Amino acid sequence: MSTAIASCGPLPAPRAYRHDPSVWLAQCALGLTLYTRHRPPEPGAGAARMLSMFLEYAPRERLRWMRTSLRNRWVALRERELEMLVEELGARGLDGSPRHLFELHVADRTDAPQVFFSHREVDEARGVGAGYIQLGLRPEDSAGDLFQLAMEACHHVPHWWGTAGYLVAMNPFDPCSAASAAWRWAKRYWGVDVQQPDRQRIRAPLGPSSVNWLTLLGRGLLDRAPEAREEIGADAVRNDASWLEGREGGLLRAAPSPTLADMNWMESCSSYASAHHVLRDFIAPAGRAVYGGFWEADALSAWARRFTEPEGWVR
């Protein structure tokens, strides 16, 4: 499936340290953030399936670095080892329980990646919050690839919710400075998603705090409000959006293609405002889960509501 990128303005250039331009703090990617659930007896099966499909679309030759929660430093990765990672990620433990807080990161850079796959596995019986999968593709790649990855998640990955479209990929080793760079972008590019899943996963079971080009709702959330769920499809049609359902959840596509909603180019984000309206019964408070400028007062909440309450974000 091929989907053209809608934005006509320039993509934001990577942000780096002033004292060391070789180290990037943030850059723009076309990506998916999915807050996951992990069920025995094969808790890693969904993540392994997503990694396998991601490798079909990603430029594999760029994926040269890996780290895990067991080895918290980047190590060089050869292309032939990528398929081995799929097998390892989907391996069943001794008792079939989730590997609580296990992490896997594969990326093209060790600072702020653009092509990457990140996964954290969580045992809900051992703590509050969700796991997550976050992945990124080059913005020049087809948005249709991202749509196919999101649909794969709807069919095969247990999850609470997720978003997909343009996102800010941040340096994980300096989250405060990276989020400050993301905050400055967010003031101009309203269509760019900002997620720090290691922090935001704690509130994920409450529901989505924001929307993007694609917004996913898992079965656990949809089953909480069956009446509202029945209205989503009709609301989506009235708002020129589309609602698709799979075995593990549903997906709302706000528009045929994603947009940066670059305010300098007067790009419209009305379709994202409509998506927020369609999912109004499932939207949860954003809290204060992102560092940087988003930490001040209720800045994260103002950003999450920017499409429907723009006056709170522009001031």
C-alpha atoms as a PDB file:
ATOM      1  CA  MET A   1       0.000   0.000   0.000  1.00  0.00           C
ATOM      2  CA  SER A   2       1.408   3.398  -0.928  1.00  0.00           C
ATOM      3  CA  THR A   3       0.339   6.559   0.850  1.00  0.00           C
ATOM      4  CA  ALA A   4       1.808   9.938   0.023  1.00  0.00           C
ATOM      5  CA  ILE A   5       3.085  12.160   2.805  1.00  0.00           C
ATOM      6  CA  ALA A   6       0.782  15.169   3.029  1.00  0.00           C
ATOM      7  CA  SER A   7       3.069  17.791   4.542  1.00  0.00           C
ATOM      8  CA  CYS A   8       4.460  20.377   2.170  1.00  0.00           C
ATOM      9  CA  GLY A   9       6.779  22.070   4.651  1.00  0.00           C
ATOM     10  CA  PRO A  10      10.315  20.955   5.448  1.00  0.00           C
ATOM     11  CA  LEU A  11      10.955  18.225   7.980  1.00  0.00           C
ATOM     12  CA  PRO A  12      12.564  19.436  11.213  1.00  0.00           C
ATOM     13  CA  ALA A  13      16.325  18.983  11.131  1.00  0.00           C
ATOM     14  CA  PRO A  14      17.873  16.801  13.859  1.00  0.00           C
ATOM     15  CA  ARG A  15      18.635  18.663  17.089  1.00  0.00           C
ATOM     16  CA  ALA A  16      22.136  18.204  18.510  1.00  0.00           C
ATOM     17  CA  TYR A  17      24.179  19.469  21.435  1.00  0.00           C
ATOM     18  CA  ARG A  18      25.684  22.890  20.815  1.00  0.00           C
ATOM     19  CA  HIS A  19      28.989  21.777  22.295  1.00  0.00           C
ATOM     20  CA  ASP A  20      29.019  18.505  20.341  1.00  0.00           C
ATOM     21  CA  PRO A  21      27.008  18.565  17.074  1.00  0.00           C
ATOM     22  CA  SER A  22      27.842  14.913  16.438  1.00  0.00           C
ATOM     23  CA  VAL A  23      25.503  13.823  19.264  1.00  0.00           C
ATOM     24  CA  TRP A  24      21.821  14.159  18.438  1.00  0.00           C
ATOM     25  CA  LEU A  25      19.128  14.870  21.000  1.00  0.00           C
ATOM     26  CA  ALA A  26      16.047  14.435  18.817  1.00  0.00           C
ATOM     27  CA  GLN A  27      14.978  13.859  15.244  1.00  0.00           C
ATOM     28  CA  CYS A  28      11.756  13.335  13.333  1.00  0.00           C
ATOM     29  CA  ALA A  29      10.668   9.852  12.272  1.00  0.00           C
ATOM     30  CA  LEU A  30       7.577   8.182  10.900  1.00  0.00           C
ATOM     31  CA  GLY A  31       6.684   5.854  13.725  1.00  0.00           C
ATOM     32  CA  LEU A  32       4.379   3.900  16.003  1.00  0.00           C
ATOM     33  CA  THR A  33       4.126   3.858  19.796  1.00  0.00           C
ATOM     34  CA  LEU A  34       2.066   0.974  21.175  1.00  0.00           C
ATOM     35  CA  TYR A  35       1.388   0.374  24.880  1.00  0.00           C
ATOM     36  CA  THR A  36       1.254  -3.391  25.128  1.00  0.00           C
ATOM     37  CA  ARG A  37      -0.052  -6.193  27.317  1.00  0.00           C
ATOM     38  CA  HIS A  38       1.757  -9.531  27.662  1.00  0.00           C
ATOM     39  CA  ARG A  39      -0.238 -12.693  28.217  1.00  0.00           C
ATOM     40  CA  PRO A  40       1.025 -16.189  29.053  1.00  0.00           C
ATOM     41  CA  PRO A  41       1.892 -18.665  27.717  1.00  0.00           C
ATOM     42  CA  GLU A  42       3.613 -16.715  24.902  1.00  0.00           C
ATOM     43  CA  PRO A  43       3.943 -13.154  26.200  1.00  0.00           C
ATOM     44  CA  GLY A  44       6.584 -12.158  23.638  1.00  0.00           C
ATOM     45  CA  ALA A  45       4.808 -13.534  20.563  1.00  0.00           C
ATOM     46  CA  GLY A  46       3.211 -10.231  19.565  1.00  0.00           C
ATOM     47  CA  ALA A  47       6.452  -8.280  19.914  1.00  0.00           C
ATOM     48  CA  ALA A  48       8.348 -10.897  17.914  1.00  0.00           C
ATOM     49  CA  ARG A  49       5.738 -10.710  15.165  1.00  0.00           C
ATOM     50  CA  MET A  50       6.010  -6.916  15.080  1.00  0.00           C
ATOM     51  CA  LEU A  51       9.815  -7.053  14.908  1.00  0.00           C
ATOM     52  CA  SER A  52       9.655  -9.557  12.051  1.00  0.00           C
ATOM     53  CA  MET A  53       7.253  -7.342  10.083  1.00  0.00           C
ATOM     54  CA  PHE A  54       9.262  -4.216  10.899  1.00  0.00           C
ATOM     55  CA  LEU A  55      12.334  -5.848   9.363  1.00  0.00           C
ATOM     56  CA  GLU A  56      10.383  -6.331   6.129  1.00  0.00           C
ATOM     57  CA  TYR A  57       9.892  -2.571   5.759  1.00  0.00           C
ATOM     58  CA  ALA A  58      12.931  -1.054   7.466  1.00  0.00           C
ATOM     59  CA  PRO A  59      16.292  -0.545   5.701  1.00  0.00           C
ATOM     60  CA  ARG A  60      17.969  -3.478   7.434  1.00  0.00           C
ATOM     61  CA  GLU A  61      21.440  -2.344   6.470  1.00  0.00           C
ATOM     62  CA  ARG A  62      21.030   0.667   8.778  1.00  0.00           C
ATOM     63  CA  LEU A  63      20.169  -1.371  11.876  1.00  0.00           C
ATOM     64  CA  ARG A  64      23.654  -1.723  13.264  1.00  0.00           C
ATOM     65  CA  TRP A  65      23.267  -1.276  17.024  1.00  0.00           C
ATOM     66  CA  MET A  66      21.551  -3.184  19.819  1.00  0.00           C
ATOM     67  CA  ARG A  67      21.187  -2.982  23.577  1.00  0.00           C
ATOM     68  CA  THR A  68      19.052  -4.808  26.154  1.00  0.00           C
ATOM     69  CA  SER A  69      18.153  -4.432  29.812  1.00  0.00           C
ATOM     70  CA  LEU A  70      20.742  -7.122  30.525  1.00  0.00           C
ATOM     71  CA  ARG A  71      23.500  -5.161  28.789  1.00  0.00           C
ATOM     72  CA  ASN A  72      22.777  -1.459  29.041  1.00  0.00           C
ATOM     73  CA  ARG A  73      25.325  -0.372  26.465  1.00  0.00           C
ATOM     74  CA  TRP A  74      25.173  -0.440  22.715  1.00  0.00           C
ATOM     75  CA  VAL A  75      26.858  -3.323  20.905  1.00  0.00           C
ATOM     76  CA  ALA A  76      27.486  -3.713  17.180  1.00  0.00           C
ATOM     77  CA  LEU A  77      24.930  -5.838  15.337  1.00  0.00           C
ATOM     78  CA  ARG A  78      25.389  -7.711  12.081  1.00  0.00           C
ATOM     79  CA  GLU A  79      22.531  -7.964   9.619  1.00  0.00           C
ATOM     80  CA  ARG A  80      22.395 -11.753   9.739  1.00  0.00           C
ATOM     81  CA  GLU A  81      21.762 -11.530  13.499  1.00  0.00           C
ATOM     82  CA  LEU A  82      18.474  -9.680  13.068  1.00  0.00           C
ATOM     83  CA  GLU A  83      16.436 -12.821  12.441  1.00  0.00           C
ATOM     84  CA  MET A  84      17.982 -14.379  15.537  1.00  0.00           C
ATOM     85  CA  LEU A  85      16.601 -11.466  17.563  1.00  0.00           C
ATOM     86  CA  VAL A  86      13.095 -12.290  16.350  1.00  0.00           C
ATOM     87  CA  GLU A  87      13.472 -15.846  17.650  1.00  0.00           C
ATOM     88  CA  GLU A  88      14.941 -14.691  20.953  1.00  0.00           C
ATOM     89  CA  LEU A  89      12.218 -12.094  21.491  1.00  0.00           C
ATOM     90  CA  GLY A  90       9.465 -14.651  20.943  1.00  0.00           C
ATOM     91  CA  ALA A  91      11.085 -17.359  23.056  1.00  0.00           C
ATOM     92  CA  ARG A  92       8.915 -18.738  25.830  1.00  0.00           C
ATOM     93  CA  GLY A  93      10.320 -18.591  29.367  1.00  0.00           C
ATOM     94  CA  LEU A  94      10.415 -21.505  31.779  1.00  0.00           C
ATOM     95  CA  ASP A  95       6.885 -20.886  33.084  1.00  0.00           C
ATOM     96  CA  GLY A  96       5.519 -18.848  30.179  1.00  0.00           C
ATOM     97  CA  SER A  97       5.333 -15.652  32.268  1.00  0.00           C
ATOM     98  CA  PRO A  98       6.347 -12.253  30.888  1.00  0.00           C
ATOM     99  CA  ARG A  99       9.977 -11.260  31.401  1.00  0.00           C
ATOM    100  CA  HIS A 100       9.208  -8.366  33.723  1.00  0.00           C
ATOM    101  CA  LEU A 101      10.871  -5.107  32.576  1.00  0.00           C
ATOM    102  CA  PHE A 102      12.957  -6.824  29.901  1.00  0.00           C
ATOM    103  CA  GLU A 103      14.054  -4.389  27.162  1.00  0.00           C
ATOM    104  CA  LEU A 104      15.325  -4.732  23.605  1.00  0.00           C
ATOM    105  CA  HIS A 105      16.456  -1.828  21.423  1.00  0.00           C
ATOM    106  CA  VAL A 106      17.656  -2.063  17.809  1.00  0.00           C
ATOM    107  CA  ALA A 107      18.598   1.168  16.039  1.00  0.00           C
ATOM    108  CA  ASP A 108      20.563   2.932  13.352  1.00  0.00           C
ATOM    109  CA  ARG A 109      22.139   5.348  15.865  1.00  0.00           C
ATOM    110  CA  THR A 110      23.062   5.203  19.533  1.00  0.00           C
ATOM    111  CA  ASP A 111      21.767   8.690  20.349  1.00  0.00           C
ATOM    112  CA  ALA A 112      18.498   9.789  18.676  1.00  0.00           C
ATOM    113  CA  PRO A 113      17.651   7.104  16.099  1.00  0.00           C
ATOM    114  CA  GLN A 114      15.421   7.404  13.074  1.00  0.00           C
ATOM    115  CA  VAL A 115      15.127   3.730  12.112  1.00  0.00           C
ATOM    116  CA  PHE A 116      14.596   1.742  15.294  1.00  0.00           C
ATOM    117  CA  PHE A 117      12.606  -0.872  17.200  1.00  0.00           C
ATOM    118  CA  SER A 118      12.213  -0.691  20.988  1.00  0.00           C
ATOM    119  CA  HIS A 119      10.368  -3.124  23.216  1.00  0.00           C
ATOM    120  CA  ARG A 120       9.709  -3.386  26.950  1.00  0.00           C
ATOM    121  CA  GLU A 121       7.926  -6.410  28.372  1.00  0.00           C
ATOM    122  CA  VAL A 122       5.875  -6.122  31.562  1.00  0.00           C
ATOM    123  CA  ASP A 123       4.200  -8.653  33.821  1.00  0.00           C
ATOM    124  CA  GLU A 124       0.957  -6.984  34.908  1.00  0.00           C
ATOM    125  CA  ALA A 125       0.865  -9.229  37.979  1.00  0.00           C
ATOM    126  CA  ARG A 126       4.100  -7.669  39.251  1.00  0.00           C
ATOM    127  CA  GLY A 127       3.541  -3.971  38.778  1.00  0.00           C
ATOM    128  CA  VAL A 128       1.448  -1.083  37.530  1.00  0.00           C
ATOM    129  CA  GLY A 129       1.601  -0.004  33.916  1.00  0.00           C
ATOM    130  CA  ALA A 130       2.024  -1.420  30.441  1.00  0.00           C
ATOM    131  CA  GLY A 131       4.821  -2.609  28.248  1.00  0.00           C
ATOM    132  CA  TYR A 132       5.477  -0.919  24.950  1.00  0.00           C
ATOM    133  CA  ILE A 133       6.678  -1.237  21.399  1.00  0.00           C
ATOM    134  CA  GLN A 134       8.013   1.860  19.689  1.00  0.00           C
ATOM    135  CA  LEU A 135       9.375   1.779  16.172  1.00  0.00           C
ATOM    136  CA  GLY A 136      10.541   4.303  13.637  1.00  0.00           C
ATOM    137  CA  LEU A 137      10.957   4.539   9.872  1.00  0.00           C
ATOM    138  CA  ARG A 138      12.460   7.268   7.710  1.00  0.00           C
ATOM    139  CA  PRO A 139       9.931  10.060   7.012  1.00  0.00           C
ATOM    140  CA  GLU A 140      10.546   9.642   3.295  1.00  0.00           C
ATOM    141  CA  ASP A 141       9.353   6.026   3.484  1.00  0.00           C
ATOM    142  CA  SER A 142       5.777   5.174   2.562  1.00  0.00           C
ATOM    143  CA  ALA A 143       3.217   5.932   5.258  1.00  0.00           C
ATOM    144  CA  GLY A 144       1.450   2.842   3.928  1.00  0.00           C
ATOM    145  CA  ASP A 145       4.181   0.730   5.520  1.00  0.00           C
ATOM    146  CA  LEU A 146       3.417   2.322   8.861  1.00  0.00           C
ATOM    147  CA  PHE A 147      -0.290   1.696   8.338  1.00  0.00           C
ATOM    148  CA  GLN A 148       0.374  -2.005   7.677  1.00  0.00           C
ATOM    149  CA  LEU A 149       2.450  -2.236  10.862  1.00  0.00           C
ATOM    150  CA  ALA A 150      -0.364  -0.611  12.842  1.00  0.00           C
ATOM    151  CA  MET A 151      -2.912  -3.019  11.389  1.00  0.00           C
ATOM    152  CA  GLU A 152      -0.633  -5.920  12.321  1.00  0.00           C
ATOM    153  CA  ALA A 153      -0.751  -4.647  15.891  1.00  0.00           C
ATOM    154  CA  CYS A 154      -4.559  -4.445  15.787  1.00  0.00           C
ATOM    155  CA  HIS A 155      -4.780  -8.067  14.715  1.00  0.00           C
ATOM    156  CA  HIS A 156      -1.979  -9.746  16.643  1.00  0.00           C
ATOM    157  CA  VAL A 157      -0.581  -7.671  19.552  1.00  0.00           C
ATOM    158  CA  PRO A 158      -2.499  -7.326  22.835  1.00  0.00           C
ATOM    159  CA  HIS A 159      -2.382  -3.643  23.753  1.00  0.00           C
ATOM    160  CA  TRP A 160      -4.033  -0.806  25.618  1.00  0.00           C
ATOM    161  CA  TRP A 161      -3.643   1.910  22.980  1.00  0.00           C
ATOM    162  CA  GLY A 162      -1.178   3.465  20.600  1.00  0.00           C
ATOM    163  CA  THR A 163      -0.523   6.240  18.102  1.00  0.00           C
ATOM    164  CA  ALA A 164       1.231   6.350  14.732  1.00  0.00           C
ATOM    165  CA  GLY A 165       2.342   9.124  12.405  1.00  0.00           C
ATOM    166  CA  TYR A 166       5.168  11.611  12.696  1.00  0.00           C
ATOM    167  CA  LEU A 167       6.933  11.340  16.044  1.00  0.00           C
ATOM    168  CA  VAL A 168       9.970  12.706  17.857  1.00  0.00           C
ATOM    169  CA  ALA A 169      12.681  10.091  18.366  1.00  0.00           C
ATOM    170  CA  MET A 170      14.657  11.116  21.456  1.00  0.00           C
ATOM    171  CA  ASN A 171      18.067  10.371  22.926  1.00  0.00           C
ATOM    172  CA  PRO A 172      17.292   7.937  25.781  1.00  0.00           C
ATOM    173  CA  PHE A 173      20.396   8.875  27.779  1.00  0.00           C
ATOM    174  CA  ASP A 174      19.452  12.559  28.146  1.00  0.00           C
ATOM    175  CA  PRO A 175      15.650  12.523  28.316  1.00  0.00           C
ATOM    176  CA  CYS A 176      15.331  16.021  29.809  1.00  0.00           C
ATOM    177  CA  SER A 177      17.311  17.811  27.087  1.00  0.00           C
ATOM    178  CA  ALA A 178      15.705  15.646  24.382  1.00  0.00           C
ATOM    179  CA  ALA A 179      12.197  16.436  25.627  1.00  0.00           C
ATOM    180  CA  SER A 180      13.046  20.149  25.718  1.00  0.00           C
ATOM    181  CA  ALA A 181      13.991  19.922  22.031  1.00  0.00           C
ATOM    182  CA  ALA A 182      10.742  18.050  21.379  1.00  0.00           C
ATOM    183  CA  TRP A 183       8.776  20.772  23.196  1.00  0.00           C
ATOM    184  CA  ARG A 184      10.180  23.440  20.861  1.00  0.00           C
ATOM    185  CA  TRP A 185       9.227  21.343  17.829  1.00  0.00           C
ATOM    186  CA  ALA A 186       5.767  20.692  19.222  1.00  0.00           C
ATOM    187  CA  LYS A 187       5.046  24.422  19.301  1.00  0.00           C
ATOM    188  CA  ARG A 188       5.502  24.552  15.519  1.00  0.00           C
ATOM    189  CA  TYR A 189       4.691  21.038  14.292  1.00  0.00           C
ATOM    190  CA  TRP A 190       1.322  20.187  15.815  1.00  0.00           C
ATOM    191  CA  GLY A 191       1.119  16.863  13.975  1.00  0.00           C
ATOM    192  CA  VAL A 192       4.299  15.459  15.532  1.00  0.00           C
ATOM    193  CA  ASP A 193       3.703  13.023  18.387  1.00  0.00           C
ATOM    194  CA  VAL A 194       5.758  13.195  21.585  1.00  0.00           C
ATOM    195  CA  GLN A 195       6.008   9.990  23.600  1.00  0.00           C
ATOM    196  CA  GLN A 196       8.461   8.970  26.314  1.00  0.00           C
ATOM    197  CA  PRO A 197       7.053   5.460  26.712  1.00  0.00           C
ATOM    198  CA  ASP A 198       9.218   4.500  29.682  1.00  0.00           C
ATOM    199  CA  ARG A 199       7.345   7.142  31.686  1.00  0.00           C
ATOM    200  CA  GLN A 200       3.994   7.254  29.919  1.00  0.00           C
ATOM    201  CA  ARG A 201       3.494   3.494  30.114  1.00  0.00           C
ATOM    202  CA  ILE A 202       2.524   3.832  33.796  1.00  0.00           C
ATOM    203  CA  ARG A 203      -0.722   5.628  32.874  1.00  0.00           C
ATOM    204  CA  ALA A 204      -1.370   3.672  29.670  1.00  0.00           C
ATOM    205  CA  PRO A 205      -4.182   1.457  31.079  1.00  0.00           C
ATOM    206  CA  LEU A 206      -6.258   4.622  31.660  1.00  0.00           C
ATOM    207  CA  GLY A 207      -6.566   5.233  27.918  1.00  0.00           C
ATOM    208  CA  PRO A 208      -5.029   7.424  25.213  1.00  0.00           C
ATOM    209  CA  SER A 209      -3.940  10.887  26.280  1.00  0.00           C
ATOM    210  CA  SER A 210      -3.527  12.148  22.703  1.00  0.00           C
ATOM    211  CA  VAL A 211      -4.288  11.263  19.088  1.00  0.00           C
ATOM    212  CA  ASN A 212      -2.242  11.172  15.896  1.00  0.00           C
ATOM    213  CA  TRP A 213      -2.712  10.165  12.263  1.00  0.00           C
ATOM    214  CA  LEU A 214      -3.496   6.648  13.489  1.00  0.00           C
ATOM    215  CA  THR A 215      -4.870   6.037  16.972  1.00  0.00           C
ATOM    216  CA  LEU A 216      -5.277   2.485  18.271  1.00  0.00           C
ATOM    217  CA  LEU A 217      -7.593   1.288  21.041  1.00  0.00           C
ATOM    218  CA  GLY A 218      -7.132  -2.170  22.531  1.00  0.00           C
ATOM    219  CA  ARG A 219      -9.871  -4.608  23.490  1.00  0.00           C
ATOM    220  CA  GLY A 220      -9.468  -3.828  27.185  1.00  0.00           C
ATOM    221  CA  LEU A 221     -10.430  -0.192  26.632  1.00  0.00           C
ATOM    222  CA  LEU A 222     -13.139  -0.853  24.042  1.00  0.00           C
ATOM    223  CA  ASP A 223     -14.874  -3.360  26.301  1.00  0.00           C
ATOM    224  CA  ARG A 224     -15.083  -0.797  29.116  1.00  0.00           C
ATOM    225  CA  ALA A 225     -17.428   1.414  27.083  1.00  0.00           C
ATOM    226  CA  PRO A 226     -19.427  -0.787  24.659  1.00  0.00           C
ATOM    227  CA  GLU A 227     -21.958   1.975  23.897  1.00  0.00           C
ATOM    228  CA  ALA A 228     -19.244   4.458  22.978  1.00  0.00           C
ATOM    229  CA  ARG A 229     -17.542   1.799  20.912  1.00  0.00           C
ATOM    230  CA  GLU A 230     -20.649   1.349  18.788  1.00  0.00           C
ATOM    231  CA  GLU A 231     -20.671   5.075  18.009  1.00  0.00           C
ATOM    232  CA  ILE A 232     -17.057   5.284  16.846  1.00  0.00           C
ATOM    233  CA  GLY A 233     -17.697   3.872  13.393  1.00  0.00           C
ATOM    234  CA  ALA A 234     -20.570   6.240  12.661  1.00  0.00           C
ATOM    235  CA  ASP A 235     -18.681   9.218  14.107  1.00  0.00           C
ATOM    236  CA  ALA A 236     -15.645   8.357  12.014  1.00  0.00           C
ATOM    237  CA  VAL A 237     -17.683   8.405   8.799  1.00  0.00           C
ATOM    238  CA  ARG A 238     -19.253  11.766   9.700  1.00  0.00           C
ATOM    239  CA  ASN A 239     -15.772  13.202  10.310  1.00  0.00           C
ATOM    240  CA  ASP A 240     -14.195  11.825   7.104  1.00  0.00           C
ATOM    241  CA  ALA A 241     -12.104   9.330   9.078  1.00  0.00           C
ATOM    242  CA  SER A 242     -12.092   5.536   8.985  1.00  0.00           C
ATOM    243  CA  TRP A 243     -12.453   2.971  11.771  1.00  0.00           C
ATOM    244  CA  LEU A 244     -11.032  -0.539  11.334  1.00  0.00           C
ATOM    245  CA  GLU A 245     -11.115  -3.395  13.824  1.00  0.00           C
ATOM    246  CA  GLY A 246      -8.932  -6.432  14.376  1.00  0.00           C
ATOM    247  CA  ARG A 247      -8.785  -9.241  16.898  1.00  0.00           C
ATOM    248  CA  GLU A 248      -6.871  -7.203  19.500  1.00  0.00           C
ATOM    249  CA  GLY A 249      -8.417  -3.759  18.989  1.00  0.00           C
ATOM    250  CA  GLY A 250      -9.474  -1.008  16.648  1.00  0.00           C
ATOM    251  CA  LEU A 251      -7.703   1.678  14.633  1.00  0.00           C
ATOM    252  CA  LEU A 252      -8.928   5.163  13.759  1.00  0.00           C
ATOM    253  CA  ARG A 253      -7.290   6.728  10.703  1.00  0.00           C
ATOM    254  CA  ALA A 254      -7.792  10.477  10.853  1.00  0.00           C
ATOM    255  CA  ALA A 255      -6.881  11.210   7.219  1.00  0.00           C
ATOM    256  CA  PRO A 256      -5.545   9.455   4.117  1.00  0.00           C
ATOM    257  CA  SER A 257      -1.983  10.509   5.020  1.00  0.00           C
ATOM    258  CA  PRO A 258      -0.115  11.973   8.000  1.00  0.00           C
ATOM    259  CA  THR A 259       0.786  15.623   8.337  1.00  0.00           C
ATOM    260  CA  LEU A 260       3.315  17.600  10.330  1.00  0.00           C
ATOM    261  CA  ALA A 261       0.651  20.299  10.712  1.00  0.00           C
ATOM    262  CA  ASP A 262       3.456  22.841  10.336  1.00  0.00           C
ATOM    263  CA  MET A 263       2.075  26.128  11.648  1.00  0.00           C
ATOM    264  CA  ASN A 264       4.704  28.081   9.676  1.00  0.00           C
ATOM    265  CA  TRP A 265       3.215  26.639   6.471  1.00  0.00           C
ATOM    266  CA  MET A 266      -0.383  27.026   7.714  1.00  0.00           C
ATOM    267  CA  GLU A 267      -1.016  23.302   7.388  1.00  0.00           C
ATOM    268  CA  SER A 268      -4.380  22.139   8.643  1.00  0.00           C
ATOM    269  CA  CYS A 269      -4.767  19.733  11.549  1.00  0.00           C
ATOM    270  CA  SER A 270      -8.574  19.688  11.448  1.00  0.00           C
ATOM    271  CA  SER A 271      -8.609  15.937  10.708  1.00  0.00           C
ATOM    272  CA  TYR A 272      -6.693  15.297  13.949  1.00  0.00           C
ATOM    273  CA  ALA A 273      -9.165  17.482  15.834  1.00  0.00           C
ATOM    274  CA  SER A 274     -11.954  15.337  14.396  1.00  0.00           C
ATOM    275  CA  ALA A 275     -10.144  12.174  15.535  1.00  0.00           C
ATOM    276  CA  HIS A 276      -9.921  13.592  19.055  1.00  0.00           C
ATOM    277  CA  HIS A 277     -13.679  14.247  18.951  1.00  0.00           C
ATOM    278  CA  VAL A 278     -14.467  10.729  17.711  1.00  0.00           C
ATOM    279  CA  LEU A 279     -12.465   9.175  20.574  1.00  0.00           C
ATOM    280  CA  ARG A 280     -13.589  11.662  23.224  1.00  0.00           C
ATOM    281  CA  ASP A 281     -15.110   8.984  25.468  1.00  0.00           C
ATOM    282  CA  PHE A 282     -11.773   7.164  25.689  1.00  0.00           C
ATOM    283  CA  ILE A 283      -9.358  10.097  26.104  1.00  0.00           C
ATOM    284  CA  ALA A 284      -7.627  10.102  29.507  1.00  0.00           C
ATOM    285  CA  PRO A 285      -5.757  12.889  31.331  1.00  0.00           C
ATOM    286  CA  ALA A 286      -2.151  13.250  30.206  1.00  0.00           C
ATOM    287  CA  GLY A 287      -0.627  13.768  33.643  1.00  0.00           C
ATOM    288  CA  ARG A 288       3.005  14.921  33.835  1.00  0.00           C
ATOM    289  CA  ALA A 289       4.820  12.021  32.240  1.00  0.00           C
ATOM    290  CA  VAL A 290       7.210  13.814  29.864  1.00  0.00           C
ATOM    291  CA  TYR A 291      10.329  15.741  30.878  1.00  0.00           C
ATOM    292  CA  GLY A 292      11.594  19.063  29.533  1.00  0.00           C
ATOM    293  CA  GLY A 293       9.187  21.920  28.824  1.00  0.00           C
ATOM    294  CA  PHE A 294       6.249  19.514  29.060  1.00  0.00           C
ATOM    295  CA  TRP A 295       6.887  19.182  32.812  1.00  0.00           C
ATOM    296  CA  GLU A 296       5.932  22.791  33.529  1.00  0.00           C
ATOM    297  CA  ALA A 297       2.463  23.283  35.021  1.00  0.00           C
ATOM    298  CA  ASP A 298      -0.041  21.442  32.772  1.00  0.00           C
ATOM    299  CA  ALA A 299       1.978  21.829  29.531  1.00  0.00           C
ATOM    300  CA  LEU A 300       1.623  18.158  28.603  1.00  0.00           C
ATOM    301  CA  SER A 301      -2.155  18.327  29.052  1.00  0.00           C
ATOM    302  CA  ALA A 302      -2.312  21.510  26.981  1.00  0.00           C
ATOM    303  CA  TRP A 303      -0.303  19.806  24.236  1.00  0.00           C
ATOM    304  CA  ALA A 304      -2.525  16.696  24.324  1.00  0.00           C
ATOM    305  CA  ARG A 305      -5.617  18.905  23.880  1.00  0.00           C
ATOM    306  CA  ARG A 306      -4.043  21.184  21.257  1.00  0.00           C
ATOM    307  CA  PHE A 307      -6.331  20.098  18.424  1.00  0.00           C
ATOM    308  CA  THR A 308      -9.584  20.779  20.252  1.00  0.00           C
ATOM    309  CA  GLU A 309      -8.401  23.570  22.608  1.00  0.00           C
ATOM    310  CA  PRO A 310      -5.703  25.363  20.582  1.00  0.00           C
ATOM    311  CA  GLU A 311      -5.766  28.480  22.731  1.00  0.00           C
ATOM    312  CA  GLY A 312      -4.245  26.508  25.614  1.00  0.00           C
ATOM    313  CA  TRP A 313      -1.215  25.493  23.540  1.00  0.00           C
ATOM    314  CA  VAL A 314      -0.467  28.682  21.621  1.00  0.00           C
ATOM    315  CA  ARG A 315      -0.223  30.925  24.654  1.00  0.00           C
END
